[in-house]
């Protein structure tokens, strides 16, 4: 069974890996700036990062800010050229100087995570605030996370919720999931399972894998909705199919105990292994415990 569901929700109060969120927003959500930018975006879809780097640099040369930011993300990820945080910083600065709101977030992430910069939460917060002034939804999330974790500022759940709501009001699935977690835990707000369920549903319906986990847990525990292991299975499976390590572990639990699906300990082992392979401690622990209980091969 799920031994510590509250702990699972607590782990959601994190930000995505540096660059991932703002990269996706930039390429998929921004208004194309030039034919070269469009070619770069298509090259990303085709996983041709060398070509993407080429076209984004050309577009950036003509002053398109999001193209400059995308070049920075490619350098940060080591795609299309060698990984270079200093080069990423250079291109993010160029994009920020051209007025790109998400570029400020990218710079803030470098400072927050100590990537090519001395780690500095105050500097990270300052850049997030600049991005927020320019309307970056990613900046709203980043500021909310800083308040939630007390990084660069005193921990303040109510302020975190203010910023996550600004993002959620624009339909951002990451912040919708985080808001739901606050309402489950009653941190900074009155505990409200039905409202938490609503936020999780919005997030999961947009395909957010953590939102799928959260919604599945609500069905698993019967909080804010009648307990339904079959629906829990449905949402954990959607998460696990996206490679979410927590979703893989939760799906393994359902297979191990036959909840919402026919009991199949071999399938449980497979999903626990997938989770453990991503260094998920719960998946690793569940895998080891299940191995101990499985009969030895003759």
Protein backbone atom coordinates (compact mmCIF):
# COMPACT_ATOMS: atom_id res chain seq x y z
CA UNK A 1 0.00 0.00 0.00
CA UNK A 2 0.98 3.67 -0.15
CA UNK A 3 2.66 4.09 3.24
CA UNK A 4 3.07 7.86 3.30
CA UNK A 5 0.78 9.70 0.85
CA UNK A 6 1.44 13.05 2.53
CA UNK A 7 5.15 12.59 1.90
CA UNK A 8 4.40 11.89 -1.75
CA UNK A 9 2.52 15.16 -2.09
CA UNK A 10 5.33 17.04 -0.35
CA UNK A 11 7.80 15.88 -2.97
CA UNK A 12 5.80 17.75 -5.61
CA UNK A 13 6.90 21.13 -4.25
CA UNK A 14 9.87 21.26 -6.60
CA UNK A 15 10.69 22.91 -9.90
CA UNK A 16 11.41 21.03 -13.07
CA UNK A 17 15.03 20.48 -14.07
CA UNK A 18 16.85 23.62 -15.24
CA UNK A 19 15.71 24.80 -18.63
CA UNK A 20 13.11 22.09 -19.30
CA UNK A 21 9.96 24.04 -18.55
CA UNK A 22 10.98 27.29 -20.16
CA UNK A 23 12.42 25.47 -23.18
CA UNK A 24 9.12 23.79 -23.89
CA UNK A 25 7.18 27.00 -23.39
CA UNK A 26 9.53 28.92 -25.64
CA UNK A 27 9.47 26.60 -28.60
CA UNK A 28 5.91 25.40 -28.41
CA UNK A 29 4.20 28.41 -26.92
CA UNK A 30 5.90 31.49 -28.34
CA UNK A 31 4.85 33.37 -31.44
CA UNK A 32 7.38 32.49 -34.16
CA UNK A 33 9.72 35.40 -34.80
CA UNK A 34 11.07 34.59 -38.25
CA UNK A 35 11.19 31.86 -40.90
CA UNK A 36 14.55 30.85 -39.45
CA UNK A 37 12.98 30.49 -36.00
CA UNK A 38 10.27 28.26 -37.45
CA UNK A 39 12.93 26.08 -39.08
CA UNK A 40 14.74 25.84 -35.77
CA UNK A 41 11.55 24.82 -33.98
CA UNK A 42 10.86 22.14 -36.59
CA UNK A 43 14.41 20.86 -36.25
CA UNK A 44 13.77 20.44 -32.51
CA UNK A 45 10.68 18.38 -33.26
CA UNK A 46 12.85 16.25 -35.56
CA UNK A 47 15.54 15.97 -32.85
CA UNK A 48 18.08 17.52 -35.22
CA UNK A 49 19.77 19.74 -32.64
CA UNK A 50 22.69 20.80 -34.83
CA UNK A 51 20.26 22.19 -37.38
CA UNK A 52 18.14 23.75 -34.63
CA UNK A 53 21.20 25.52 -33.24
CA UNK A 54 22.07 26.84 -36.72
CA UNK A 55 18.64 28.29 -37.44
CA UNK A 56 18.11 29.75 -33.98
CA UNK A 57 21.47 31.53 -34.17
CA UNK A 58 20.54 33.04 -37.52
CA UNK A 59 17.17 34.17 -36.16
CA UNK A 60 18.85 35.59 -33.03
CA UNK A 61 21.26 37.53 -35.26
CA UNK A 62 18.22 39.36 -36.61
CA UNK A 63 17.14 40.30 -33.10
CA UNK A 64 14.54 37.67 -32.26
CA UNK A 65 14.75 37.24 -28.51
CA UNK A 66 13.24 33.79 -28.16
CA UNK A 67 15.66 32.41 -30.73
CA UNK A 68 18.55 33.68 -28.58
CA UNK A 69 16.99 32.05 -25.53
CA UNK A 70 16.61 28.74 -27.37
CA UNK A 71 20.30 28.83 -28.31
CA UNK A 72 21.03 29.21 -24.60
CA UNK A 73 18.88 26.20 -23.74
CA UNK A 74 20.65 24.08 -26.35
CA UNK A 75 24.03 25.02 -24.87
CA UNK A 76 22.74 24.29 -21.36
CA UNK A 77 21.54 20.85 -22.43
CA UNK A 78 24.57 20.10 -24.62
CA UNK A 79 22.40 19.62 -27.69
CA UNK A 80 23.69 20.73 -31.08
CA UNK A 81 27.06 21.63 -29.56
CA UNK A 82 29.14 20.85 -26.47
CA UNK A 83 27.50 21.65 -23.14
CA UNK A 84 28.56 25.06 -21.91
CA UNK A 85 26.88 26.89 -19.07
CA UNK A 86 28.91 30.01 -19.81
CA UNK A 87 27.66 30.00 -23.41
CA UNK A 88 24.13 29.37 -22.15
CA UNK A 89 24.45 32.36 -19.82
CA UNK A 90 25.75 34.53 -22.68
CA UNK A 91 22.77 33.74 -24.89
CA UNK A 92 20.25 34.06 -22.07
CA UNK A 93 21.67 37.51 -21.30
CA UNK A 94 21.34 38.44 -24.97
CA UNK A 95 17.73 37.27 -24.99
CA UNK A 96 16.98 39.15 -21.76
CA UNK A 97 18.49 42.33 -23.19
CA UNK A 98 16.13 41.90 -26.13
CA UNK A 99 13.22 41.79 -23.65
CA UNK A 100 12.53 38.04 -23.46
CA UNK A 101 10.72 37.38 -20.17
CA UNK A 102 11.54 33.66 -19.92
CA UNK A 103 15.25 34.39 -20.45
CA UNK A 104 15.32 36.01 -17.01
CA UNK A 105 14.01 32.73 -15.61
CA UNK A 106 16.72 30.77 -17.41
CA UNK A 107 19.39 32.99 -15.86
CA UNK A 108 17.73 32.64 -12.46
CA UNK A 109 17.84 28.85 -12.78
CA UNK A 110 21.58 28.96 -13.44
CA UNK A 111 22.09 30.92 -10.22
CA UNK A 112 19.64 28.78 -8.24
CA UNK A 113 21.32 25.54 -9.26
CA UNK A 114 24.92 26.79 -9.36
CA UNK A 115 25.35 25.98 -13.04
CA UNK A 116 28.25 28.01 -14.38
CA UNK A 117 27.50 30.64 -11.73
CA UNK A 118 28.12 30.72 -8.00
CA UNK A 119 24.91 29.47 -6.42
CA UNK A 120 22.91 32.48 -5.21
CA UNK A 121 19.26 32.28 -4.24
CA UNK A 122 18.93 36.07 -3.88
CA UNK A 123 20.24 36.59 -7.43
CA UNK A 124 17.97 33.84 -8.70
CA UNK A 125 14.98 35.49 -7.04
CA UNK A 126 15.94 38.88 -8.50
CA UNK A 127 15.96 37.42 -12.02
CA UNK A 128 12.67 35.60 -11.44
CA UNK A 129 11.10 38.85 -10.31
CA UNK A 130 12.31 40.58 -13.48
CA UNK A 131 10.74 37.80 -15.51
CA UNK A 132 7.51 38.07 -13.55
CA UNK A 133 7.34 41.83 -14.23
CA UNK A 134 7.35 40.93 -17.92
CA UNK A 135 4.61 38.33 -17.55
CA UNK A 136 6.57 35.06 -17.56
CA UNK A 137 4.42 32.21 -16.24
CA UNK A 138 7.63 30.26 -15.58
CA UNK A 139 8.76 33.13 -13.37
CA UNK A 140 5.54 32.95 -11.35
CA UNK A 141 6.21 29.25 -10.72
CA UNK A 142 9.84 29.86 -9.81
CA UNK A 143 8.99 32.59 -7.31
CA UNK A 144 6.30 30.38 -5.78
CA UNK A 145 8.82 27.59 -5.41
CA UNK A 146 11.33 29.91 -3.72
CA UNK A 147 8.71 30.96 -1.16
CA UNK A 148 7.58 27.36 -0.64
CA UNK A 149 11.10 26.13 0.05
CA UNK A 150 12.44 29.26 1.77
CA UNK A 151 15.20 29.80 -0.77
CA UNK A 152 16.41 33.39 -1.03
CA UNK A 153 13.42 34.47 1.06
CA UNK A 154 11.77 33.41 4.30
CA UNK A 155 9.52 30.38 3.82
CA UNK A 156 5.99 31.66 3.24
CA UNK A 157 3.35 29.24 1.97
CA UNK A 158 0.76 31.96 1.53
CA UNK A 159 3.05 33.92 -0.77
CA UNK A 160 3.89 30.72 -2.62
CA UNK A 161 0.19 30.15 -3.22
CA UNK A 162 -0.26 33.72 -4.49
CA UNK A 163 2.35 33.11 -7.17
CA UNK A 164 1.20 29.62 -8.09
CA UNK A 165 -2.34 30.97 -8.51
CA UNK A 166 -1.06 33.65 -10.90
CA UNK A 167 0.37 30.87 -13.02
CA UNK A 168 -2.59 28.50 -12.63
CA UNK A 169 -4.95 31.28 -13.71
CA UNK A 170 -3.18 31.14 -17.06
CA UNK A 171 -3.75 27.40 -17.28
CA UNK A 172 -0.27 26.22 -16.30
CA UNK A 173 -0.53 22.51 -15.32
CA UNK A 174 2.58 22.49 -13.12
CA UNK A 175 1.21 25.20 -10.83
CA UNK A 176 -2.26 23.61 -10.85
CA UNK A 177 -0.69 20.43 -9.48
CA UNK A 178 1.32 22.33 -6.87
CA UNK A 179 -1.73 24.27 -5.72
CA UNK A 180 -3.61 21.03 -5.29
CA UNK A 181 -0.79 19.75 -3.09
CA UNK A 182 -1.10 22.78 -0.81
CA UNK A 183 -4.84 22.20 -0.43
CA UNK A 184 -4.25 18.51 0.37
CA UNK A 185 -1.70 19.38 3.03
CA UNK A 186 -3.48 22.47 4.37
CA UNK A 187 -0.31 24.55 4.07
CA UNK A 188 -1.02 28.27 3.79
CA UNK A 189 -4.68 27.49 3.16
CA UNK A 190 -7.52 25.61 4.82
CA UNK A 191 -7.32 21.93 3.90
CA UNK A 192 -9.81 21.34 1.09
CA UNK A 193 -9.79 17.95 -0.67
CA UNK A 194 -12.50 18.78 -3.26
CA UNK A 195 -10.63 21.90 -4.36
CA UNK A 196 -7.35 19.95 -4.44
CA UNK A 197 -9.06 17.36 -6.62
CA UNK A 198 -10.22 20.10 -8.98
CA UNK A 199 -6.70 21.45 -9.44
CA UNK A 200 -5.26 17.96 -9.91
CA UNK A 201 -7.91 17.17 -12.49
CA UNK A 202 -7.08 20.30 -14.50
CA UNK A 203 -3.38 19.45 -14.37
CA UNK A 204 -3.83 15.79 -15.29
CA UNK A 205 -6.22 16.60 -18.14
CA UNK A 206 -3.40 18.62 -19.70
CA UNK A 207 -1.13 15.56 -19.53
CA UNK A 208 1.05 16.70 -16.64
CA UNK A 209 2.56 13.48 -15.25
CA UNK A 210 2.80 14.75 -11.66
CA UNK A 211 -0.80 15.90 -11.91
CA UNK A 212 -1.73 12.38 -13.03
CA UNK A 213 0.02 10.98 -9.95
CA UNK A 214 -1.79 13.42 -7.66
CA UNK A 215 -5.18 12.66 -9.15
CA UNK A 216 -4.49 8.95 -8.93
CA UNK A 217 -3.58 9.30 -5.25
CA UNK A 218 -6.86 11.08 -4.54
CA UNK A 219 -8.74 8.13 -6.06
CA UNK A 220 -6.47 5.68 -4.23
CA UNK A 221 -7.04 7.28 -0.84
CA UNK A 222 -10.67 8.30 -1.41
CA UNK A 223 -9.99 11.93 -0.57
CA UNK A 224 -12.30 14.47 -2.24
CA UNK A 225 -13.77 11.63 -4.31
CA UNK A 226 -14.99 8.07 -3.61
CA UNK A 227 -12.14 5.54 -3.45
CA UNK A 228 -11.66 3.93 -6.85
CA UNK A 229 -8.59 1.78 -7.46
CA UNK A 230 -9.45 1.36 -11.14
CA UNK A 231 -9.30 5.10 -11.72
CA UNK A 232 -6.13 5.30 -9.64
CA UNK A 233 -4.63 2.71 -11.98
CA UNK A 234 -5.72 4.73 -15.03
CA UNK A 235 -3.94 7.88 -13.86
CA UNK A 236 -0.82 6.17 -12.50
CA UNK A 237 -0.51 4.39 -15.86
CA UNK A 238 -0.76 7.69 -17.74
CA UNK A 239 2.06 9.05 -15.59
CA UNK A 240 4.22 5.93 -15.81
CA UNK A 241 3.84 5.82 -19.60
CA UNK A 242 5.49 9.25 -19.67
CA UNK A 243 8.47 7.87 -17.76
CA UNK A 244 7.55 9.51 -14.44
CA UNK A 245 9.48 7.61 -11.75
CA UNK A 246 6.85 8.22 -9.06
CA UNK A 247 4.11 7.04 -11.38
CA UNK A 248 6.09 3.89 -12.17
CA UNK A 249 6.46 3.14 -8.46
CA UNK A 250 2.77 3.77 -7.74
CA UNK A 251 1.74 1.57 -10.65
CA UNK A 252 3.98 -1.17 -9.30
CA UNK A 253 2.17 -0.96 -5.96
CA UNK A 254 -1.19 -1.54 -7.63
CA UNK A 255 0.14 -4.56 -9.49
CA UNK A 256 1.74 -5.97 -6.35
CA UNK A 257 -1.48 -5.84 -4.33
CA UNK A 258 -3.98 -6.34 -7.16
CA UNK A 259 -5.69 -3.01 -6.64
CA UNK A 260 -7.58 -1.77 -9.71
CA UNK A 261 -5.82 -4.40 -11.83
CA UNK A 262 -5.24 -8.14 -11.65
CA UNK A 263 -2.47 -8.96 -9.19
CA UNK A 264 0.77 -9.53 -11.08
CA UNK A 265 3.96 -9.43 -9.07
CA UNK A 266 6.11 -9.81 -12.16
CA UNK A 267 4.58 -6.63 -13.57
CA UNK A 268 5.10 -4.99 -10.19
CA UNK A 269 8.78 -5.93 -10.39
CA UNK A 270 9.04 -4.43 -13.88
CA UNK A 271 7.56 -1.10 -12.81
CA UNK A 272 9.53 -0.93 -9.57
CA UNK A 273 12.69 -1.60 -11.59
CA UNK A 274 11.85 1.21 -14.03
CA UNK A 275 11.36 3.57 -11.08
CA UNK A 276 14.53 2.40 -9.35
CA UNK A 277 16.49 2.88 -12.57
CA UNK A 278 15.63 6.58 -12.30
CA UNK A 279 17.03 6.61 -8.76
CA UNK A 280 13.60 6.82 -7.11
CA UNK A 281 14.16 5.64 -3.54
CA UNK A 282 10.59 4.38 -3.05
CA UNK A 283 10.79 2.34 -6.23
CA UNK A 284 14.14 0.92 -5.18
CA UNK A 285 12.89 0.02 -1.68
CA UNK A 286 9.72 -1.59 -3.02
CA UNK A 287 11.74 -3.55 -5.57
CA UNK A 288 14.08 -4.91 -2.91
CA UNK A 289 11.24 -5.79 -0.55
CA UNK A 290 9.31 -7.58 -3.29
CA UNK A 291 12.41 -9.55 -4.30
CA UNK A 292 12.73 -10.80 -0.72
CA UNK A 293 9.12 -12.06 -0.75
CA UNK A 294 9.26 -13.66 -4.20
CA UNK A 295 9.92 -17.42 -4.27
CA UNK A 296 13.44 -18.37 -5.29
CA UNK A 297 13.72 -19.87 -8.78
CA UNK A 298 14.13 -23.65 -8.68
